[in-house]
Amino acid sequence: MQKLIDYDELPELVKRFITYKRTAQERSQKTVDEYALDLRTFFRYMMLRQNGTDPETVSEEDFAGVDITGVDLEFIGSITAQEIFEFLSFAQNARSNKWSTRARKLSAIKSFYKYLTVSVHLLDNDPAKNIEGPQKKKTLPKFLSLSESERLLRAVREDELSKTRERDYAIIVLFLNCGMRLSELVGINLSDIDRDMESLRVLGKGAKERLIYLNDACRAALRAYLPIRNADEVQMKDKNALFLSSRHSRISNKTVQWLVYKYLKAAGLENKGCSTHKLRHTAATLMYQSGNVDVRVLKDILGHEQLNTTQIYTHVSDENMKRAIAANPLASFRAEDSEE
């Protein structure tokens, strides 16, 4: 995977930290790149403050030109908790960062200082240790209903002009039935699927591998797609990737996102605020609502670390709430019934 940042722009201690996250903790390239980007922004902000410049008055171009390669341990150790608070305020007000972006930036700072104080013992004081992150707004996940999911699948099957119809259909079937993440789907190899096509392995967050079982719909979709995929074996650039692009290499995240939007529009669902991740929400919701899947089983299917992450799906069933209200013994009471 291509790096999102030139590491030569970073202070030496940040580069060491990134190496630690990548090797000792086995974080993905995407994760360590995000740490690097967030710490670069943080130290550019801090350098401007040290030079007596208000970062909010600096243009985007000038901000990007701030040289932080000279940031050393003394400078890092001089930063206070109050200055970190002010950086988070800058991220919110000047950069319009939403809560999740600010939470990620704080996570990078906290992880960096923990590395310096706990892992390599270069600092005694951790100014970020007791800083709490911005509170997440509690919102219910967006998802498609069963009938909308069926409309989406029909839209793919009825696209007779598409040269990749079987591939696209298999992709959306896996999303809607297995609840996998975009990165997990794109990363599937032929060798990850067992011989009887009963299950496949995916690499989830934190490089954690898990087994996903395939149902009849998944097997049928894959069996329809594989002969077409294998027909161009001579031209393949990645012979092990399950899903290939028109250029015969592993399909990209961007291409999968594009085809999902394409078929959502074809199904008349473009205004549902849906995406590849929302298809994962759809699979989880349908399994919980219609399949009566225990939330602990659903946790393992989705590859969640904590049960409370999965429990959001226990709150999205409108039908269950309707049945609960209808079951109230007062549901059939009428005021006129009590009149004599």
C-alpha atoms as a PDB file:
ATOM      1  CA  MET A   1       0.000   0.000   0.000  1.00  0.00           C
ATOM      2  CA  GLN A   2       1.281   3.463  -0.935  1.00  0.00           C
ATOM      3  CA  LYS A   3       2.152   5.758   1.961  1.00  0.00           C
ATOM      4  CA  LEU A   4      -0.018   8.855   2.446  1.00  0.00           C
ATOM      5  CA  ILE A   5       2.814  11.005   3.817  1.00  0.00           C
ATOM      6  CA  ASP A   6       6.507  11.682   3.258  1.00  0.00           C
ATOM      7  CA  TYR A   7       8.100  10.508   6.501  1.00  0.00           C
ATOM      8  CA  ASP A   8      11.142  12.698   5.880  1.00  0.00           C
ATOM      9  CA  GLU A   9       8.923  15.653   6.886  1.00  0.00           C
ATOM     10  CA  LEU A  10       8.624  14.261  10.410  1.00  0.00           C
ATOM     11  CA  PRO A  11      10.776  14.743  13.529  1.00  0.00           C
ATOM     12  CA  GLU A  12      13.095  11.838  14.295  1.00  0.00           C
ATOM     13  CA  LEU A  13      11.168  10.804  17.423  1.00  0.00           C
ATOM     14  CA  VAL A  14       7.915  10.667  15.484  1.00  0.00           C
ATOM     15  CA  LYS A  15       9.569   8.467  12.844  1.00  0.00           C
ATOM     16  CA  ARG A  16      10.749   6.111  15.587  1.00  0.00           C
ATOM     17  CA  PHE A  17       7.240   6.039  17.035  1.00  0.00           C
ATOM     18  CA  ILE A  18       5.736   5.196  13.631  1.00  0.00           C
ATOM     19  CA  THR A  19       8.243   2.364  13.200  1.00  0.00           C
ATOM     20  CA  TYR A  20       7.267   1.054  16.637  1.00  0.00           C
ATOM     21  CA  LYS A  21       3.555   1.104  15.762  1.00  0.00           C
ATOM     22  CA  ARG A  22       4.181  -0.598  12.423  1.00  0.00           C
ATOM     23  CA  THR A  23       6.517  -3.330  13.623  1.00  0.00           C
ATOM     24  CA  ALA A  24       6.164  -3.974  17.348  1.00  0.00           C
ATOM     25  CA  GLN A  25       2.405  -3.380  17.418  1.00  0.00           C
ATOM     26  CA  GLU A  26       1.753  -4.548  13.833  1.00  0.00           C
ATOM     27  CA  ARG A  27      -0.539  -1.664  12.927  1.00  0.00           C
ATOM     28  CA  SER A  28      -1.611  -1.386   9.277  1.00  0.00           C
ATOM     29  CA  GLN A  29       0.020   1.066   6.878  1.00  0.00           C
ATOM     30  CA  LYS A  30      -3.200   3.100   6.780  1.00  0.00           C
ATOM     31  CA  THR A  31      -3.261   3.374  10.581  1.00  0.00           C
ATOM     32  CA  VAL A  32       0.355   4.479  10.939  1.00  0.00           C
ATOM     33  CA  ASP A  33      -0.068   6.973   8.094  1.00  0.00           C
ATOM     34  CA  GLU A  34      -3.010   8.522   9.958  1.00  0.00           C
ATOM     35  CA  TYR A  35      -0.897   8.743  13.131  1.00  0.00           C
ATOM     36  CA  ALA A  36       1.859  10.425  11.130  1.00  0.00           C
ATOM     37  CA  LEU A  37      -0.511  12.926   9.486  1.00  0.00           C
ATOM     38  CA  ASP A  38      -2.134  13.855  12.793  1.00  0.00           C
ATOM     39  CA  LEU A  39       1.183  14.306  14.590  1.00  0.00           C
ATOM     40  CA  ARG A  40       2.509  16.392  11.702  1.00  0.00           C
ATOM     41  CA  THR A  41      -0.486  18.721  12.037  1.00  0.00           C
ATOM     42  CA  PHE A  42      -0.037  18.858  15.826  1.00  0.00           C
ATOM     43  CA  PHE A  43       3.632  19.797  15.701  1.00  0.00           C
ATOM     44  CA  ARG A  44       3.127  22.349  12.922  1.00  0.00           C
ATOM     45  CA  TYR A  45       0.548  23.983  15.184  1.00  0.00           C
ATOM     46  CA  MET A  46       2.923  23.864  18.151  1.00  0.00           C
ATOM     47  CA  MET A  47       5.846  25.298  16.138  1.00  0.00           C
ATOM     48  CA  LEU A  48       3.729  28.254  15.034  1.00  0.00           C
ATOM     49  CA  ARG A  49       2.693  28.912  18.645  1.00  0.00           C
ATOM     50  CA  GLN A  50       6.299  28.761  19.805  1.00  0.00           C
ATOM     51  CA  ASN A  51       7.237  31.347  17.181  1.00  0.00           C
ATOM     52  CA  GLY A  52       4.506  33.672  18.453  1.00  0.00           C
ATOM     53  CA  THR A  53       2.175  33.115  15.488  1.00  0.00           C
ATOM     54  CA  ASP A  54      -1.531  32.446  15.900  1.00  0.00           C
ATOM     55  CA  PRO A  55      -2.131  29.266  13.834  1.00  0.00           C
ATOM     56  CA  GLU A  56      -5.684  30.418  13.046  1.00  0.00           C
ATOM     57  CA  THR A  57      -4.322  33.398  11.096  1.00  0.00           C
ATOM     58  CA  VAL A  58      -2.018  31.299   8.892  1.00  0.00           C
ATOM     59  CA  SER A  59      -3.062  30.259   5.396  1.00  0.00           C
ATOM     60  CA  GLU A  60      -3.340  26.583   4.528  1.00  0.00           C
ATOM     61  CA  GLU A  61      -0.306  26.877   2.269  1.00  0.00           C
ATOM     62  CA  ASP A  62       1.850  28.531   4.938  1.00  0.00           C
ATOM     63  CA  PHE A  63       0.670  26.022   7.548  1.00  0.00           C
ATOM     64  CA  ALA A  64       1.723  23.150   5.252  1.00  0.00           C
ATOM     65  CA  GLY A  65       5.134  24.778   4.842  1.00  0.00           C
ATOM     66  CA  VAL A  66       6.025  24.759   8.546  1.00  0.00           C
ATOM     67  CA  ASP A  67       9.228  22.738   9.032  1.00  0.00           C
ATOM     68  CA  ILE A  68       8.969  20.393  12.030  1.00  0.00           C
ATOM     69  CA  THR A  69      12.018  18.193  11.383  1.00  0.00           C
ATOM     70  CA  GLY A  70      13.902  19.989  14.155  1.00  0.00           C
ATOM     71  CA  VAL A  71      11.333  19.175  16.849  1.00  0.00           C
ATOM     72  CA  ASP A  72      13.301  17.413  19.600  1.00  0.00           C
ATOM     73  CA  LEU A  73      12.663  15.746  22.957  1.00  0.00           C
ATOM     74  CA  GLU A  74      13.027  19.019  24.882  1.00  0.00           C
ATOM     75  CA  PHE A  75      10.382  20.701  22.734  1.00  0.00           C
ATOM     76  CA  ILE A  76       8.035  17.705  22.969  1.00  0.00           C
ATOM     77  CA  GLY A  77       8.479  17.527  26.730  1.00  0.00           C
ATOM     78  CA  SER A  78       7.672  21.225  27.144  1.00  0.00           C
ATOM     79  CA  ILE A  79       4.155  20.885  25.712  1.00  0.00           C
ATOM     80  CA  THR A  80       1.389  21.159  28.319  1.00  0.00           C
ATOM     81  CA  ALA A  81      -2.053  19.653  28.622  1.00  0.00           C
ATOM     82  CA  GLN A  82      -3.552  23.129  28.133  1.00  0.00           C
ATOM     83  CA  GLU A  83      -1.769  23.473  24.794  1.00  0.00           C
ATOM     84  CA  ILE A  84      -3.169  20.131  23.693  1.00  0.00           C
ATOM     85  CA  PHE A  85      -6.663  21.346  24.644  1.00  0.00           C
ATOM     86  CA  GLU A  86      -6.070  24.459  22.565  1.00  0.00           C
ATOM     87  CA  PHE A  87      -4.913  22.363  19.603  1.00  0.00           C
ATOM     88  CA  LEU A  88      -8.143  20.360  19.767  1.00  0.00           C
ATOM     89  CA  SER A  89     -10.075  23.629  19.849  1.00  0.00           C
ATOM     90  CA  PHE A  90      -8.129  24.761  16.766  1.00  0.00           C
ATOM     91  CA  ALA A  91      -9.007  21.487  15.015  1.00  0.00           C
ATOM     92  CA  GLN A  92     -12.684  22.057  15.763  1.00  0.00           C
ATOM     93  CA  ASN A  93     -12.986  25.771  15.074  1.00  0.00           C
ATOM     94  CA  ALA A  94     -10.345  26.572  12.443  1.00  0.00           C
ATOM     95  CA  ARG A  95     -10.296  23.187  10.681  1.00  0.00           C
ATOM     96  CA  SER A  96     -13.976  22.252  11.194  1.00  0.00           C
ATOM     97  CA  ASN A  97     -12.902  18.746  12.210  1.00  0.00           C
ATOM     98  CA  LYS A  98     -15.829  16.615  13.292  1.00  0.00           C
ATOM     99  CA  TRP A  99     -15.692  14.755  16.603  1.00  0.00           C
ATOM    100  CA  SER A 100     -14.316  11.535  15.076  1.00  0.00           C
ATOM    101  CA  THR A 101     -11.396  13.384  13.432  1.00  0.00           C
ATOM    102  CA  ARG A 102     -10.596  15.232  16.652  1.00  0.00           C
ATOM    103  CA  ALA A 103     -10.828  11.986  18.604  1.00  0.00           C
ATOM    104  CA  ARG A 104      -8.378  10.378  16.170  1.00  0.00           C
ATOM    105  CA  LYS A 105      -5.952  13.296  16.513  1.00  0.00           C
ATOM    106  CA  LEU A 106      -6.084  13.064  20.301  1.00  0.00           C
ATOM    107  CA  SER A 107      -5.589   9.308  20.096  1.00  0.00           C
ATOM    108  CA  ALA A 108      -2.411   9.848  18.048  1.00  0.00           C
ATOM    109  CA  ILE A 109      -1.075  12.391  20.567  1.00  0.00           C
ATOM    110  CA  LYS A 110      -1.913  10.190  23.553  1.00  0.00           C
ATOM    111  CA  SER A 111      -0.337   7.148  21.920  1.00  0.00           C
ATOM    112  CA  PHE A 112       2.809   9.127  21.072  1.00  0.00           C
ATOM    113  CA  TYR A 113       3.284  10.392  24.622  1.00  0.00           C
ATOM    114  CA  LYS A 114       2.557   6.957  26.044  1.00  0.00           C
ATOM    115  CA  TYR A 115       5.311   5.579  23.805  1.00  0.00           C
ATOM    116  CA  LEU A 116       7.761   8.209  25.079  1.00  0.00           C
ATOM    117  CA  THR A 117       6.886   7.748  28.772  1.00  0.00           C
ATOM    118  CA  VAL A 118       6.054   4.042  29.051  1.00  0.00           C
ATOM    119  CA  SER A 119       7.651   2.199  26.134  1.00  0.00           C
ATOM    120  CA  VAL A 120      11.031   3.921  25.740  1.00  0.00           C
ATOM    121  CA  HIS A 121      11.167   5.959  29.009  1.00  0.00           C
ATOM    122  CA  LEU A 122      12.413   9.180  27.375  1.00  0.00           C
ATOM    123  CA  LEU A 123       9.941  11.386  29.249  1.00  0.00           C
ATOM    124  CA  ASP A 124       8.643  11.318  32.818  1.00  0.00           C
ATOM    125  CA  ASN A 125       5.567  13.485  32.306  1.00  0.00           C
ATOM    126  CA  ASP A 126       2.674  12.661  29.959  1.00  0.00           C
ATOM    127  CA  PRO A 127       0.580  15.820  29.394  1.00  0.00           C
ATOM    128  CA  ALA A 128      -2.042  13.914  27.357  1.00  0.00           C
ATOM    129  CA  LYS A 129      -2.606  11.112  29.860  1.00  0.00           C
ATOM    130  CA  ASN A 130      -5.714  12.477  31.561  1.00  0.00           C
ATOM    131  CA  ILE A 131      -7.270  14.269  28.594  1.00  0.00           C
ATOM    132  CA  GLU A 132     -10.637  12.812  27.646  1.00  0.00           C
ATOM    133  CA  GLY A 133     -11.635  12.671  24.025  1.00  0.00           C
ATOM    134  CA  PRO A 134     -14.626  14.470  22.468  1.00  0.00           C
ATOM    135  CA  GLN A 135     -17.899  12.698  23.136  1.00  0.00           C
ATOM    136  CA  LYS A 136     -19.360  10.743  20.269  1.00  0.00           C
ATOM    137  CA  LYS A 137     -22.868  11.704  19.259  1.00  0.00           C
ATOM    138  CA  LYS A 138     -25.096   8.701  19.719  1.00  0.00           C
ATOM    139  CA  THR A 139     -26.704   8.063  16.363  1.00  0.00           C
ATOM    140  CA  LEU A 140     -28.317   4.937  15.014  1.00  0.00           C
ATOM    141  CA  PRO A 141     -26.576   3.294  12.060  1.00  0.00           C
ATOM    142  CA  LYS A 142     -28.141   3.790   8.636  1.00  0.00           C
ATOM    143  CA  PHE A 143     -29.149   0.621   6.856  1.00  0.00           C
ATOM    144  CA  LEU A 144     -31.359  -0.763   4.114  1.00  0.00           C
ATOM    145  CA  SER A 145     -34.534  -2.652   4.867  1.00  0.00           C
ATOM    146  CA  LEU A 146     -35.013  -6.190   3.594  1.00  0.00           C
ATOM    147  CA  SER A 147     -37.091  -5.018   0.624  1.00  0.00           C
ATOM    148  CA  GLU A 148     -34.551  -2.280  -0.200  1.00  0.00           C
ATOM    149  CA  SER A 149     -31.719  -4.811  -0.042  1.00  0.00           C
ATOM    150  CA  GLU A 150     -33.616  -7.012  -2.482  1.00  0.00           C
ATOM    151  CA  ARG A 151     -34.105  -4.004  -4.784  1.00  0.00           C
ATOM    152  CA  LEU A 152     -30.371  -3.370  -4.731  1.00  0.00           C
ATOM    153  CA  LEU A 153     -29.573  -6.980  -5.623  1.00  0.00           C
ATOM    154  CA  ARG A 154     -32.129  -6.959  -8.447  1.00  0.00           C
ATOM    155  CA  ALA A 155     -30.588  -3.760  -9.819  1.00  0.00           C
ATOM    156  CA  VAL A 156     -27.274  -5.563 -10.225  1.00  0.00           C
ATOM    157  CA  ARG A 157     -28.795  -8.708 -11.724  1.00  0.00           C
ATOM    158  CA  GLU A 158     -30.802  -6.675 -14.253  1.00  0.00           C
ATOM    159  CA  ASP A 159     -27.816  -4.652 -15.476  1.00  0.00           C
ATOM    160  CA  GLU A 160     -27.358  -6.501 -18.753  1.00  0.00           C
ATOM    161  CA  LEU A 161     -24.962  -3.882 -20.160  1.00  0.00           C
ATOM    162  CA  SER A 162     -22.371  -4.399 -17.419  1.00  0.00           C
ATOM    163  CA  LYS A 163     -19.294  -6.454 -18.286  1.00  0.00           C
ATOM    164  CA  THR A 164     -18.649  -6.996 -14.583  1.00  0.00           C
ATOM    165  CA  ARG A 165     -22.172  -7.896 -13.487  1.00  0.00           C
ATOM    166  CA  GLU A 166     -21.258 -11.244 -11.889  1.00  0.00           C
ATOM    167  CA  ARG A 167     -18.325  -9.699 -10.024  1.00  0.00           C
ATOM    168  CA  ASP A 168     -20.400  -6.748  -8.801  1.00  0.00           C
ATOM    169  CA  TYR A 169     -23.249  -9.011  -7.770  1.00  0.00           C
ATOM    170  CA  ALA A 170     -20.885 -11.245  -5.769  1.00  0.00           C
ATOM    171  CA  ILE A 171     -19.419  -8.196  -4.031  1.00  0.00           C
ATOM    172  CA  ILE A 172     -22.784  -6.826  -2.937  1.00  0.00           C
ATOM    173  CA  VAL A 173     -24.032 -10.285  -1.922  1.00  0.00           C
ATOM    174  CA  LEU A 174     -21.009 -10.680   0.370  1.00  0.00           C
ATOM    175  CA  PHE A 175     -21.542  -7.230   1.876  1.00  0.00           C
ATOM    176  CA  LEU A 176     -25.229  -7.837   2.555  1.00  0.00           C
ATOM    177  CA  ASN A 177     -24.850 -11.403   3.839  1.00  0.00           C
ATOM    178  CA  CYS A 178     -21.547 -11.373   5.706  1.00  0.00           C
ATOM    179  CA  GLY A 179     -21.239  -7.829   7.055  1.00  0.00           C
ATOM    180  CA  MET A 180     -17.572  -7.530   6.182  1.00  0.00           C
ATOM    181  CA  ARG A 181     -15.643  -4.270   6.005  1.00  0.00           C
ATOM    182  CA  LEU A 182     -14.587  -2.753   2.680  1.00  0.00           C
ATOM    183  CA  SER A 183     -10.893  -3.406   3.349  1.00  0.00           C
ATOM    184  CA  GLU A 184     -11.686  -7.004   4.280  1.00  0.00           C
ATOM    185  CA  LEU A 185     -13.594  -7.647   1.062  1.00  0.00           C
ATOM    186  CA  VAL A 186     -10.952  -6.047  -1.171  1.00  0.00           C
ATOM    187  CA  GLY A 187      -8.236  -8.089   0.561  1.00  0.00           C
ATOM    188  CA  ILE A 188      -9.826 -11.515  -0.003  1.00  0.00           C
ATOM    189  CA  ASN A 189      -7.593 -13.989  -1.837  1.00  0.00           C
ATOM    190  CA  LEU A 190      -8.633 -17.175  -3.602  1.00  0.00           C
ATOM    191  CA  SER A 191      -6.563 -19.064  -1.045  1.00  0.00           C
ATOM    192  CA  ASP A 192      -8.754 -17.602   1.718  1.00  0.00           C
ATOM    193  CA  ILE A 193     -11.790 -19.571   0.510  1.00  0.00           C
ATOM    194  CA  ASP A 194     -12.003 -23.190   1.620  1.00  0.00           C
ATOM    195  CA  ARG A 195     -12.286 -25.976  -0.954  1.00  0.00           C
ATOM    196  CA  ASP A 196     -15.982 -26.632  -0.302  1.00  0.00           C
ATOM    197  CA  MET A 197     -16.755 -22.894  -0.319  1.00  0.00           C
ATOM    198  CA  GLU A 198     -18.206 -23.144   3.168  1.00  0.00           C
ATOM    199  CA  SER A 199     -16.190 -20.271   4.604  1.00  0.00           C
ATOM    200  CA  LEU A 200     -13.473 -17.721   3.939  1.00  0.00           C
ATOM    201  CA  ARG A 201     -10.881 -15.883   5.995  1.00  0.00           C
ATOM    202  CA  VAL A 202     -10.560 -12.114   6.151  1.00  0.00           C
ATOM    203  CA  LEU A 203      -7.968  -9.854   7.711  1.00  0.00           C
ATOM    204  CA  GLY A 204      -9.747  -7.381   9.970  1.00  0.00           C
ATOM    205  CA  LYS A 205      -8.722  -4.409  12.076  1.00  0.00           C
ATOM    206  CA  GLY A 206      -5.448  -4.751  13.920  1.00  0.00           C
ATOM    207  CA  ALA A 207      -4.336  -7.460  11.457  1.00  0.00           C
ATOM    208  CA  LYS A 208      -6.688  -9.902  13.185  1.00  0.00           C
ATOM    209  CA  GLU A 209      -7.821 -12.802  11.057  1.00  0.00           C
ATOM    210  CA  ARG A 210     -11.315 -14.233  11.398  1.00  0.00           C
ATOM    211  CA  LEU A 211     -13.441 -16.874   9.707  1.00  0.00           C
ATOM    212  CA  ILE A 212     -16.643 -15.902   7.899  1.00  0.00           C
ATOM    213  CA  TYR A 213     -19.121 -18.628   6.957  1.00  0.00           C
ATOM    214  CA  LEU A 214     -20.793 -18.497   3.560  1.00  0.00           C
ATOM    215  CA  ASN A 215     -24.486 -19.133   2.987  1.00  0.00           C
ATOM    216  CA  ASP A 216     -26.191 -20.417  -0.166  1.00  0.00           C
ATOM    217  CA  ALA A 217     -26.510 -16.947  -1.708  1.00  0.00           C
ATOM    218  CA  CYS A 218     -22.789 -16.269  -1.276  1.00  0.00           C
ATOM    219  CA  ARG A 219     -21.790 -19.633  -2.712  1.00  0.00           C
ATOM    220  CA  ALA A 220     -24.085 -19.220  -5.725  1.00  0.00           C
ATOM    221  CA  ALA A 221     -22.761 -15.716  -6.435  1.00  0.00           C
ATOM    222  CA  LEU A 222     -19.132 -16.800  -6.163  1.00  0.00           C
ATOM    223  CA  ARG A 223     -19.682 -19.860  -8.348  1.00  0.00           C
ATOM    224  CA  ALA A 224     -21.213 -17.658 -11.028  1.00  0.00           C
ATOM    225  CA  TYR A 225     -18.331 -15.177 -10.838  1.00  0.00           C
ATOM    226  CA  LEU A 226     -15.262 -17.432 -10.566  1.00  0.00           C
ATOM    227  CA  PRO A 227     -15.389 -18.972 -14.077  1.00  0.00           C
ATOM    228  CA  ILE A 228     -15.541 -15.443 -15.554  1.00  0.00           C
ATOM    229  CA  ARG A 229     -12.715 -14.268 -13.316  1.00  0.00           C
ATOM    230  CA  ASN A 230     -10.532 -17.241 -14.216  1.00  0.00           C
ATOM    231  CA  ALA A 231     -11.124 -16.890 -17.968  1.00  0.00           C
ATOM    232  CA  ASP A 232      -8.565 -14.059 -18.192  1.00  0.00           C
ATOM    233  CA  GLU A 233      -5.877 -15.792 -16.136  1.00  0.00           C
ATOM    234  CA  VAL A 234      -3.130 -15.046 -18.667  1.00  0.00           C
ATOM    235  CA  GLN A 235      -3.611 -11.279 -18.250  1.00  0.00           C
ATOM    236  CA  MET A 236      -3.898 -11.309 -14.455  1.00  0.00           C
ATOM    237  CA  LYS A 237      -1.488  -9.111 -12.530  1.00  0.00           C
ATOM    238  CA  ASP A 238      -2.636 -10.536  -9.191  1.00  0.00           C
ATOM    239  CA  LYS A 239      -3.480 -14.198  -9.649  1.00  0.00           C
ATOM    240  CA  ASN A 240      -4.550 -14.686  -6.032  1.00  0.00           C
ATOM    241  CA  ALA A 241      -6.903 -11.708  -5.586  1.00  0.00           C
ATOM    242  CA  LEU A 242     -10.552 -12.780  -5.545  1.00  0.00           C
ATOM    243  CA  PHE A 243     -11.992  -9.593  -6.985  1.00  0.00           C
ATOM    244  CA  LEU A 244     -10.193  -8.094  -9.977  1.00  0.00           C
ATOM    245  CA  SER A 245     -10.520  -4.748 -11.706  1.00  0.00           C
ATOM    246  CA  SER A 246     -10.911  -4.269 -15.447  1.00  0.00           C
ATOM    247  CA  ARG A 247      -7.118  -3.922 -15.518  1.00  0.00           C
ATOM    248  CA  HIS A 248      -6.774  -7.467 -14.144  1.00  0.00           C
ATOM    249  CA  SER A 249      -5.298  -6.324 -10.823  1.00  0.00           C
ATOM    250  CA  ARG A 250      -6.819  -6.429  -7.332  1.00  0.00           C
ATOM    251  CA  ILE A 251      -9.909  -4.243  -7.198  1.00  0.00           C
ATOM    252  CA  SER A 252      -9.464  -0.994  -5.252  1.00  0.00           C
ATOM    253  CA  ASN A 253     -11.530   0.422  -2.411  1.00  0.00           C
ATOM    254  CA  LYS A 254     -12.501   3.322  -4.651  1.00  0.00           C
ATOM    255  CA  THR A 255     -13.829   1.056  -7.403  1.00  0.00           C
ATOM    256  CA  VAL A 256     -15.938  -0.926  -4.946  1.00  0.00           C
ATOM    257  CA  GLN A 257     -17.349   2.296  -3.475  1.00  0.00           C
ATOM    258  CA  TRP A 258     -18.161   3.547  -6.975  1.00  0.00           C
ATOM    259  CA  LEU A 259     -19.997   0.392  -8.017  1.00  0.00           C
ATOM    260  CA  VAL A 260     -22.028   0.356  -4.789  1.00  0.00           C
ATOM    261  CA  TYR A 261     -23.116   3.972  -5.403  1.00  0.00           C
ATOM    262  CA  LYS A 262     -23.893   3.102  -9.027  1.00  0.00           C
ATOM    263  CA  TYR A 263     -26.277   0.307  -8.092  1.00  0.00           C
ATOM    264  CA  LEU A 264     -27.835   2.204  -5.198  1.00  0.00           C
ATOM    265  CA  LYS A 265     -28.754   4.872  -7.732  1.00  0.00           C
ATOM    266  CA  ALA A 266     -30.045   2.270 -10.191  1.00  0.00           C
ATOM    267  CA  ALA A 267     -32.248   0.866  -7.409  1.00  0.00           C
ATOM    268  CA  GLY A 268     -33.579   4.328  -6.537  1.00  0.00           C
ATOM    269  CA  LEU A 269     -31.817   4.270  -3.175  1.00  0.00           C
ATOM    270  CA  GLU A 270     -29.277   7.032  -3.719  1.00  0.00           C
ATOM    271  CA  ASN A 271     -30.974   9.250  -1.126  1.00  0.00           C
ATOM    272  CA  LYS A 272     -30.666   6.691   1.677  1.00  0.00           C
ATOM    273  CA  GLY A 273     -27.258   8.012   2.748  1.00  0.00           C
ATOM    274  CA  CYS A 274     -25.867   4.558   2.118  1.00  0.00           C
ATOM    275  CA  SER A 275     -22.311   3.391   1.411  1.00  0.00           C
ATOM    276  CA  THR A 276     -20.194   0.263   1.570  1.00  0.00           C
ATOM    277  CA  HIS A 277     -20.069   0.618   5.348  1.00  0.00           C
ATOM    278  CA  LYS A 278     -23.831   1.019   5.503  1.00  0.00           C
ATOM    279  CA  LEU A 279     -24.154  -2.310   3.691  1.00  0.00           C
ATOM    280  CA  ARG A 280     -22.201  -3.797   6.612  1.00  0.00           C
ATOM    281  CA  HIS A 281     -24.743  -2.169   8.949  1.00  0.00           C
ATOM    282  CA  THR A 282     -27.521  -3.616   6.815  1.00  0.00           C
ATOM    283  CA  ALA A 283     -26.167  -7.156   7.116  1.00  0.00           C
ATOM    284  CA  ALA A 284     -25.820  -6.824  10.887  1.00  0.00           C
ATOM    285  CA  THR A 285     -29.301  -5.353  11.286  1.00  0.00           C
ATOM    286  CA  LEU A 286     -30.987  -7.975   9.114  1.00  0.00           C
ATOM    287  CA  MET A 287     -29.215 -10.793  10.960  1.00  0.00           C
ATOM    288  CA  TYR A 288     -30.268  -9.397  14.321  1.00  0.00           C
ATOM    289  CA  GLN A 289     -33.840  -8.452  13.406  1.00  0.00           C
ATOM    290  CA  SER A 290     -34.859 -11.245  11.050  1.00  0.00           C
ATOM    291  CA  GLY A 291     -32.420 -14.005  11.853  1.00  0.00           C
ATOM    292  CA  ASN A 292     -32.717 -13.768  15.651  1.00  0.00           C
ATOM    293  CA  VAL A 293     -28.926 -13.864  15.894  1.00  0.00           C
ATOM    294  CA  ASP A 294     -27.576 -13.522  19.432  1.00  0.00           C
ATOM    295  CA  VAL A 295     -25.686 -10.253  19.852  1.00  0.00           C
ATOM    296  CA  ARG A 296     -22.584 -12.136  21.055  1.00  0.00           C
ATOM    297  CA  VAL A 297     -22.553 -14.225  17.889  1.00  0.00           C
ATOM    298  CA  LEU A 298     -23.059 -11.061  15.845  1.00  0.00           C
ATOM    299  CA  LYS A 299     -20.031  -9.539  17.596  1.00  0.00           C
ATOM    300  CA  ASP A 300     -17.831 -12.373  16.318  1.00  0.00           C
ATOM    301  CA  ILE A 301     -19.311 -12.254  12.821  1.00  0.00           C
ATOM    302  CA  LEU A 302     -18.567  -8.533  12.527  1.00  0.00           C
ATOM    303  CA  GLY A 303     -15.137  -8.786  14.134  1.00  0.00           C
ATOM    304  CA  HIS A 304     -15.867  -6.280  16.903  1.00  0.00           C
ATOM    305  CA  GLU A 305     -13.460  -6.032  19.812  1.00  0.00           C
ATOM    306  CA  GLN A 306     -16.075  -4.997  22.355  1.00  0.00           C
ATOM    307  CA  LEU A 307     -19.660  -6.166  22.805  1.00  0.00           C
ATOM    308  CA  ASN A 308     -20.892  -2.602  23.355  1.00  0.00           C
ATOM    309  CA  THR A 309     -19.896  -1.789  19.760  1.00  0.00           C
ATOM    310  CA  THR A 310     -22.272  -4.493  18.549  1.00  0.00           C
ATOM    311  CA  GLN A 311     -25.088  -3.612  20.915  1.00  0.00           C
ATOM    312  CA  ILE A 312     -26.102  -0.627  18.813  1.00  0.00           C
ATOM    313  CA  TYR A 313     -27.879  -3.127  16.559  1.00  0.00           C
ATOM    314  CA  THR A 314     -30.161  -4.094  19.428  1.00  0.00           C
ATOM    315  CA  HIS A 315     -31.646  -0.586  19.307  1.00  0.00           C
ATOM    316  CA  VAL A 316     -32.511  -0.279  15.634  1.00  0.00           C
ATOM    317  CA  SER A 317     -35.409  -2.693  15.318  1.00  0.00           C
ATOM    318  CA  ASP A 318     -38.550  -0.648  14.698  1.00  0.00           C
ATOM    319  CA  GLU A 319     -40.616  -3.822  14.361  1.00  0.00           C
ATOM    320  CA  ASN A 320     -39.556  -5.045  17.792  1.00  0.00           C
ATOM    321  CA  MET A 321     -40.488  -1.699  19.303  1.00  0.00           C
ATOM    322  CA  LYS A 322     -43.864  -1.733  17.538  1.00  0.00           C
ATOM    323  CA  ARG A 323     -44.572  -5.231  18.857  1.00  0.00           C
ATOM    324  CA  ALA A 324     -43.580  -4.177  22.377  1.00  0.00           C
ATOM    325  CA  ILE A 325     -45.951  -1.200  22.315  1.00  0.00           C
ATOM    326  CA  ALA A 326     -48.738  -3.320  20.811  1.00  0.00           C
ATOM    327  CA  ALA A 327     -48.278  -5.886  23.583  1.00  0.00           C
ATOM    328  CA  ASN A 328     -49.053  -3.348  26.301  1.00  0.00           C
ATOM    329  CA  PRO A 329     -52.278  -4.507  28.034  1.00  0.00           C
ATOM    330  CA  LEU A 330     -53.657  -0.984  27.644  1.00  0.00           C
ATOM    331  CA  ALA A 331     -53.211  -1.079  23.858  1.00  0.00           C
ATOM    332  CA  SER A 332     -56.892  -1.866  23.240  1.00  0.00           C
ATOM    333  CA  PHE A 333     -58.311   0.471  25.873  1.00  0.00           C
ATOM    334  CA  ARG A 334     -60.742   3.121  24.607  1.00  0.00           C
ATOM    335  CA  ALA A 335     -62.079   5.983  26.716  1.00  0.00           C
ATOM    336  CA  GLU A 336     -65.623   5.319  25.550  1.00  0.00           C
ATOM    337  CA  ASP A 337     -65.322   1.704  26.772  1.00  0.00           C
ATOM    338  CA  SER A 338     -65.223   2.910  30.384  1.00  0.00           C
ATOM    339  CA  GLU A 339     -68.313   5.047  30.074  1.00  0.00           C
ATOM    340  CA  GLU A 340     -71.571   3.589  31.363  1.00  0.00           C
END
